[in-house]
Amino acid sequence: MAFGSFAEPPEITFDVPGLMARCPLLRACYIEALRLDSAPWALKKVMQDCEITESPEDAGLGVGGGAQQPETYRLRKGEYADVAFDLHFTDPRYWEEPMRWQPERHLKEDGGMPELGSVRAYGGGKGMCKGRAFAEKECFAFAAGFIMLWEMEPAGKKGWKIPGHGKATAVSIPKSDIRVKLRRRDLTAQEA
């Protein structure tokens, strides 16, 4: 049956729990996408006065032309502290070549399913996103459906050109368009 000038879309089914339990590379790609392309913040209310002193290692970074000696910051009860998770996600002290797409970094040697580890794209503690498990299932289902239905290649002859990041709310967006060619897979050959 055709709708206007489009043929009826194919009906596809797949086992989402199976994807979640038996596709370690897909999960590693998901975690790496969260690490490189999410930019979550946690806003936490300070419950009691406290002081935080940076480590000598952090002070030695001289971020923003700051001092080379550890600095101490006083947080007062009722104030708010912001935590920018993407600073950790891109820190070379925690990730080798942090700006390089490398999903294999999350794979386990025993072949088990990768874990989020310190990639906290959904926050943490009491404020952790209640819908994170559903969101992950949605992402897996979308990715699996896309892979099943479409062939994708770069639009130009120069190959893939991945643009830099532009900041947005909780995610990084591409600084420019990404041009691709999509071709629908022939599912009849797979059914035979």
C-alpha atoms as a PDB file:
ATOM      1  CA  MET A   1       0.000   0.000   0.000  1.00  0.00           C
ATOM      2  CA  ALA A   2       1.313   3.504  -0.792  1.00  0.00           C
ATOM      3  CA  PHE A   3       0.716   6.729   1.106  1.00  0.00           C
ATOM      4  CA  GLY A   4       0.992   9.638  -1.325  1.00  0.00           C
ATOM      5  CA  SER A   5       4.286   9.106  -3.101  1.00  0.00           C
ATOM      6  CA  PHE A   6       5.777   7.034  -0.271  1.00  0.00           C
ATOM      7  CA  ALA A   7       5.487   3.289   0.075  1.00  0.00           C
ATOM      8  CA  GLU A   8       4.217   1.921   3.359  1.00  0.00           C
ATOM      9  CA  PRO A   9       7.134   1.767   5.794  1.00  0.00           C
ATOM     10  CA  PRO A  10       8.384  -1.696   6.642  1.00  0.00           C
ATOM     11  CA  GLU A  11       7.453  -3.196   9.951  1.00  0.00           C
ATOM     12  CA  ILE A  12      10.472  -4.271  11.933  1.00  0.00           C
ATOM     13  CA  THR A  13      10.687  -6.016  15.252  1.00  0.00           C
ATOM     14  CA  PHE A  14      13.611  -6.757  17.494  1.00  0.00           C
ATOM     15  CA  ASP A  15      14.272  -7.871  21.019  1.00  0.00           C
ATOM     16  CA  VAL A  16      15.080  -4.714  23.019  1.00  0.00           C
ATOM     17  CA  PRO A  17      15.968  -6.641  26.212  1.00  0.00           C
ATOM     18  CA  GLY A  18      18.267  -8.779  24.032  1.00  0.00           C
ATOM     19  CA  LEU A  19      19.925  -5.660  22.625  1.00  0.00           C
ATOM     20  CA  MET A  20      20.424  -4.390  26.162  1.00  0.00           C
ATOM     21  CA  ALA A  21      21.878  -7.693  27.403  1.00  0.00           C
ATOM     22  CA  ARG A  22      23.861  -9.074  24.456  1.00  0.00           C
ATOM     23  CA  CYS A  23      25.273  -6.199  22.399  1.00  0.00           C
ATOM     24  CA  PRO A  24      28.348  -4.918  24.243  1.00  0.00           C
ATOM     25  CA  LEU A  25      29.684  -2.831  21.334  1.00  0.00           C
ATOM     26  CA  LEU A  26      26.330  -1.072  20.906  1.00  0.00           C
ATOM     27  CA  ARG A  27      26.316  -0.253  24.632  1.00  0.00           C
ATOM     28  CA  ALA A  28      29.936   0.904  24.467  1.00  0.00           C
ATOM     29  CA  CYS A  29      28.990   3.232  21.577  1.00  0.00           C
ATOM     30  CA  TYR A  30      26.079   4.561  23.631  1.00  0.00           C
ATOM     31  CA  ILE A  31      28.363   5.275  26.614  1.00  0.00           C
ATOM     32  CA  GLU A  32      30.978   6.929  24.394  1.00  0.00           C
ATOM     33  CA  ALA A  33      28.282   9.111  22.798  1.00  0.00           C
ATOM     34  CA  LEU A  34      27.144  10.163  26.271  1.00  0.00           C
ATOM     35  CA  ARG A  35      30.728  10.887  27.276  1.00  0.00           C
ATOM     36  CA  LEU A  36      31.568  12.982  24.206  1.00  0.00           C
ATOM     37  CA  ASP A  37      28.242  14.605  23.391  1.00  0.00           C
ATOM     38  CA  SER A  38      26.392  15.153  26.640  1.00  0.00           C
ATOM     39  CA  ALA A  39      27.165  18.178  28.759  1.00  0.00           C
ATOM     40  CA  PRO A  40      25.114  17.721  31.912  1.00  0.00           C
ATOM     41  CA  TRP A  41      25.296  19.927  34.947  1.00  0.00           C
ATOM     42  CA  ALA A  42      24.320  19.089  38.483  1.00  0.00           C
ATOM     43  CA  LEU A  43      23.110  21.914  40.676  1.00  0.00           C
ATOM     44  CA  LYS A  44      23.413  20.973  44.330  1.00  0.00           C
ATOM     45  CA  LYS A  45      22.313  22.953  47.362  1.00  0.00           C
ATOM     46  CA  VAL A  46      24.974  23.272  50.050  1.00  0.00           C
ATOM     47  CA  MET A  47      23.528  21.829  53.262  1.00  0.00           C
ATOM     48  CA  GLN A  48      26.216  23.121  55.646  1.00  0.00           C
ATOM     49  CA  ASP A  49      29.169  25.473  55.491  1.00  0.00           C
ATOM     50  CA  CYS A  50      32.247  23.779  54.090  1.00  0.00           C
ATOM     51  CA  GLU A  51      35.579  24.442  52.446  1.00  0.00           C
ATOM     52  CA  ILE A  52      36.947  22.673  49.380  1.00  0.00           C
ATOM     53  CA  THR A  53      40.653  22.829  48.662  1.00  0.00           C
ATOM     54  CA  GLU A  54      41.861  21.805  45.239  1.00  0.00           C
ATOM     55  CA  SER A  55      44.576  19.205  44.981  1.00  0.00           C
ATOM     56  CA  PRO A  56      48.151  20.248  44.183  1.00  0.00           C
ATOM     57  CA  GLU A  57      47.715  18.402  40.881  1.00  0.00           C
ATOM     58  CA  ASP A  58      44.652  20.517  39.976  1.00  0.00           C
ATOM     59  CA  ALA A  59      46.381  23.714  41.081  1.00  0.00           C
ATOM     60  CA  GLY A  60      49.309  22.847  38.827  1.00  0.00           C
ATOM     61  CA  LEU A  61      47.024  22.951  35.814  1.00  0.00           C
ATOM     62  CA  GLY A  62      46.858  26.717  36.142  1.00  0.00           C
ATOM     63  CA  VAL A  63      43.357  26.805  34.645  1.00  0.00           C
ATOM     64  CA  GLY A  64      42.398  30.324  33.632  1.00  0.00           C
ATOM     65  CA  GLY A  65      45.853  31.621  34.468  1.00  0.00           C
ATOM     66  CA  GLY A  66      45.181  30.875  38.127  1.00  0.00           C
ATOM     67  CA  ALA A  67      47.639  30.281  40.912  1.00  0.00           C
ATOM     68  CA  GLN A  68      50.002  27.330  40.904  1.00  0.00           C
ATOM     69  CA  GLN A  69      49.275  26.765  44.611  1.00  0.00           C
ATOM     70  CA  PRO A  70      46.085  25.000  45.758  1.00  0.00           C
ATOM     71  CA  GLU A  71      43.224  27.385  46.380  1.00  0.00           C
ATOM     72  CA  THR A  72      40.455  26.937  48.941  1.00  0.00           C
ATOM     73  CA  TYR A  73      36.829  27.765  48.224  1.00  0.00           C
ATOM     74  CA  ARG A  74      34.273  28.391  50.948  1.00  0.00           C
ATOM     75  CA  LEU A  75      30.715  27.249  50.315  1.00  0.00           C
ATOM     76  CA  ARG A  76      28.031  28.484  52.679  1.00  0.00           C
ATOM     77  CA  LYS A  77      24.838  26.714  53.695  1.00  0.00           C
ATOM     78  CA  GLY A  78      22.005  27.600  51.306  1.00  0.00           C
ATOM     79  CA  GLU A  79      24.293  28.430  48.368  1.00  0.00           C
ATOM     80  CA  TYR A  80      24.398  26.287  45.256  1.00  0.00           C
ATOM     81  CA  ALA A  81      27.327  24.446  43.701  1.00  0.00           C
ATOM     82  CA  ASP A  82      27.418  23.584  40.000  1.00  0.00           C
ATOM     83  CA  VAL A  83      29.138  20.461  38.753  1.00  0.00           C
ATOM     84  CA  ALA A  84      29.946  20.377  35.029  1.00  0.00           C
ATOM     85  CA  PHE A  85      30.295  16.686  34.199  1.00  0.00           C
ATOM     86  CA  ASP A  86      31.737  17.297  30.739  1.00  0.00           C
ATOM     87  CA  LEU A  87      34.891  18.689  32.369  1.00  0.00           C
ATOM     88  CA  HIS A  88      35.517  15.161  33.684  1.00  0.00           C
ATOM     89  CA  PHE A  89      34.380  13.538  30.417  1.00  0.00           C
ATOM     90  CA  THR A  90      37.120  15.372  28.491  1.00  0.00           C
ATOM     91  CA  ASP A  91      39.904  15.314  31.101  1.00  0.00           C
ATOM     92  CA  PRO A  92      43.041  13.511  29.830  1.00  0.00           C
ATOM     93  CA  ARG A  93      43.866  12.480  33.398  1.00  0.00           C
ATOM     94  CA  TYR A  94      40.872  10.119  33.249  1.00  0.00           C
ATOM     95  CA  TRP A  95      40.491   9.362  29.528  1.00  0.00           C
ATOM     96  CA  GLU A  96      43.284   8.590  27.078  1.00  0.00           C
ATOM     97  CA  GLU A  97      42.821  10.858  24.042  1.00  0.00           C
ATOM     98  CA  PRO A  98      39.596  12.225  25.554  1.00  0.00           C
ATOM     99  CA  MET A  99      38.313  13.991  22.407  1.00  0.00           C
ATOM    100  CA  ARG A 100      38.708  10.890  20.236  1.00  0.00           C
ATOM    101  CA  TRP A 101      35.686   8.657  19.571  1.00  0.00           C
ATOM    102  CA  GLN A 102      36.806   5.341  20.994  1.00  0.00           C
ATOM    103  CA  PRO A 103      33.921   3.122  22.191  1.00  0.00           C
ATOM    104  CA  GLU A 104      36.322   0.219  22.728  1.00  0.00           C
ATOM    105  CA  ARG A 105      37.557   2.005  25.862  1.00  0.00           C
ATOM    106  CA  HIS A 106      34.332   0.872  27.582  1.00  0.00           C
ATOM    107  CA  LEU A 107      34.453  -2.800  26.549  1.00  0.00           C
ATOM    108  CA  LYS A 108      35.241  -5.366  29.225  1.00  0.00           C
ATOM    109  CA  GLU A 109      38.006  -7.899  28.661  1.00  0.00           C
ATOM    110  CA  ASP A 110      35.675 -10.744  29.666  1.00  0.00           C
ATOM    111  CA  GLY A 111      33.111  -9.735  27.013  1.00  0.00           C
ATOM    112  CA  GLY A 112      30.565  -8.615  29.616  1.00  0.00           C
ATOM    113  CA  MET A 113      28.301  -5.647  29.134  1.00  0.00           C
ATOM    114  CA  PRO A 114      29.996  -2.253  29.546  1.00  0.00           C
ATOM    115  CA  GLU A 115      28.966  -0.076  32.478  1.00  0.00           C
ATOM    116  CA  LEU A 116      28.572   3.685  32.685  1.00  0.00           C
ATOM    117  CA  GLY A 117      31.346   3.941  35.268  1.00  0.00           C
ATOM    118  CA  SER A 118      32.076   7.620  35.861  1.00  0.00           C
ATOM    119  CA  VAL A 119      30.031   8.748  32.829  1.00  0.00           C
ATOM    120  CA  ARG A 120      27.169  10.400  34.699  1.00  0.00           C
ATOM    121  CA  ALA A 121      25.095  11.858  31.892  1.00  0.00           C
ATOM    122  CA  TYR A 122      21.935  11.324  33.936  1.00  0.00           C
ATOM    123  CA  GLY A 123      23.138  13.020  37.105  1.00  0.00           C
ATOM    124  CA  GLY A 124      23.605  11.272  40.418  1.00  0.00           C
ATOM    125  CA  GLY A 125      22.203  10.820  43.886  1.00  0.00           C
ATOM    126  CA  LYS A 126      18.612  11.820  44.655  1.00  0.00           C
ATOM    127  CA  GLY A 127      18.492  13.977  41.524  1.00  0.00           C
ATOM    128  CA  MET A 128      19.398  11.166  39.130  1.00  0.00           C
ATOM    129  CA  CYS A 129      17.003  10.961  36.184  1.00  0.00           C
ATOM    130  CA  LYS A 130      14.209   8.528  36.972  1.00  0.00           C
ATOM    131  CA  GLY A 131      13.672   7.812  33.271  1.00  0.00           C
ATOM    132  CA  ARG A 132      17.275   6.916  32.444  1.00  0.00           C
ATOM    133  CA  ALA A 133      16.585   3.180  31.898  1.00  0.00           C
ATOM    134  CA  PHE A 134      13.689   3.983  29.554  1.00  0.00           C
ATOM    135  CA  ALA A 135      15.793   6.614  27.742  1.00  0.00           C
ATOM    136  CA  GLU A 136      18.544   4.050  27.195  1.00  0.00           C
ATOM    137  CA  LYS A 137      16.044   1.539  25.786  1.00  0.00           C
ATOM    138  CA  GLU A 138      14.687   4.217  23.435  1.00  0.00           C
ATOM    139  CA  CYS A 139      18.199   5.019  22.199  1.00  0.00           C
ATOM    140  CA  PHE A 140      19.010   1.339  21.622  1.00  0.00           C
ATOM    141  CA  ALA A 141      15.727   0.735  19.790  1.00  0.00           C
ATOM    142  CA  PHE A 142      16.202   3.817  17.599  1.00  0.00           C
ATOM    143  CA  ALA A 143      19.808   2.910  16.760  1.00  0.00           C
ATOM    144  CA  ALA A 144      18.921  -0.714  15.991  1.00  0.00           C
ATOM    145  CA  GLY A 145      15.973   0.333  13.830  1.00  0.00           C
ATOM    146  CA  PHE A 146      18.090   2.850  11.928  1.00  0.00           C
ATOM    147  CA  ILE A 147      20.875   0.320  11.348  1.00  0.00           C
ATOM    148  CA  MET A 148      18.350  -2.279  10.161  1.00  0.00           C
ATOM    149  CA  LEU A 149      16.618   0.067   7.698  1.00  0.00           C
ATOM    150  CA  TRP A 150      19.315   2.332   6.292  1.00  0.00           C
ATOM    151  CA  GLU A 151      22.735   2.368   4.661  1.00  0.00           C
ATOM    152  CA  MET A 152      24.569   5.602   5.412  1.00  0.00           C
ATOM    153  CA  GLU A 153      27.651   7.139   3.817  1.00  0.00           C
ATOM    154  CA  PRO A 154      29.226  10.593   3.656  1.00  0.00           C
ATOM    155  CA  ALA A 155      27.685  12.895   1.063  1.00  0.00           C
ATOM    156  CA  GLY A 156      30.981  14.265  -0.240  1.00  0.00           C
ATOM    157  CA  LYS A 157      33.948  12.591  -1.867  1.00  0.00           C
ATOM    158  CA  LYS A 158      36.243  13.632   1.003  1.00  0.00           C
ATOM    159  CA  GLY A 159      34.766  11.156   3.478  1.00  0.00           C
ATOM    160  CA  TRP A 160      33.370  11.843   6.895  1.00  0.00           C
ATOM    161  CA  LYS A 161      33.743  15.370   8.216  1.00  0.00           C
ATOM    162  CA  ILE A 162      32.726  15.509  11.847  1.00  0.00           C
ATOM    163  CA  PRO A 163      32.129  19.097  12.975  1.00  0.00           C
ATOM    164  CA  GLY A 164      33.226  20.460  16.322  1.00  0.00           C
ATOM    165  CA  HIS A 165      30.876  20.871  19.264  1.00  0.00           C
ATOM    166  CA  GLY A 166      28.584  23.764  19.950  1.00  0.00           C
ATOM    167  CA  LYS A 167      27.271  24.150  23.489  1.00  0.00           C
ATOM    168  CA  ALA A 168      23.589  23.753  24.234  1.00  0.00           C
ATOM    169  CA  THR A 169      21.578  22.751  27.270  1.00  0.00           C
ATOM    170  CA  ALA A 170      22.803  19.372  28.611  1.00  0.00           C
ATOM    171  CA  VAL A 171      24.158  18.263  25.218  1.00  0.00           C
ATOM    172  CA  SER A 172      26.697  19.315  22.651  1.00  0.00           C
ATOM    173  CA  ILE A 173      25.322  20.051  19.205  1.00  0.00           C
ATOM    174  CA  PRO A 174      27.223  19.994  15.907  1.00  0.00           C
ATOM    175  CA  LYS A 175      28.695  23.384  14.974  1.00  0.00           C
ATOM    176  CA  SER A 176      27.672  22.764  11.378  1.00  0.00           C
ATOM    177  CA  ASP A 177      25.540  20.433   9.307  1.00  0.00           C
ATOM    178  CA  ILE A 178      26.593  16.851   8.712  1.00  0.00           C
ATOM    179  CA  ARG A 179      25.843  15.854   5.135  1.00  0.00           C
ATOM    180  CA  VAL A 180      25.052  12.164   4.542  1.00  0.00           C
ATOM    181  CA  LYS A 181      23.544   9.942   1.881  1.00  0.00           C
ATOM    182  CA  LEU A 182      20.897   7.522   3.094  1.00  0.00           C
ATOM    183  CA  ARG A 183      19.778   4.501   1.121  1.00  0.00           C
ATOM    184  CA  ARG A 184      17.035   2.207   2.308  1.00  0.00           C
ATOM    185  CA  ARG A 185      18.235  -1.359   2.844  1.00  0.00           C
ATOM    186  CA  ASP A 186      16.595  -4.091   0.797  1.00  0.00           C
ATOM    187  CA  LEU A 187      14.833  -6.059   3.513  1.00  0.00           C
ATOM    188  CA  THR A 188      13.320  -8.558   1.073  1.00  0.00           C
ATOM    189  CA  ALA A 189      16.755 -10.149   0.561  1.00  0.00           C
ATOM    190  CA  GLN A 190      17.090 -10.594   4.323  1.00  0.00           C
ATOM    191  CA  GLU A 191      13.669 -12.218   4.620  1.00  0.00           C
ATOM    192  CA  ALA A 192      14.453 -14.896   2.039  1.00  0.00           C
END
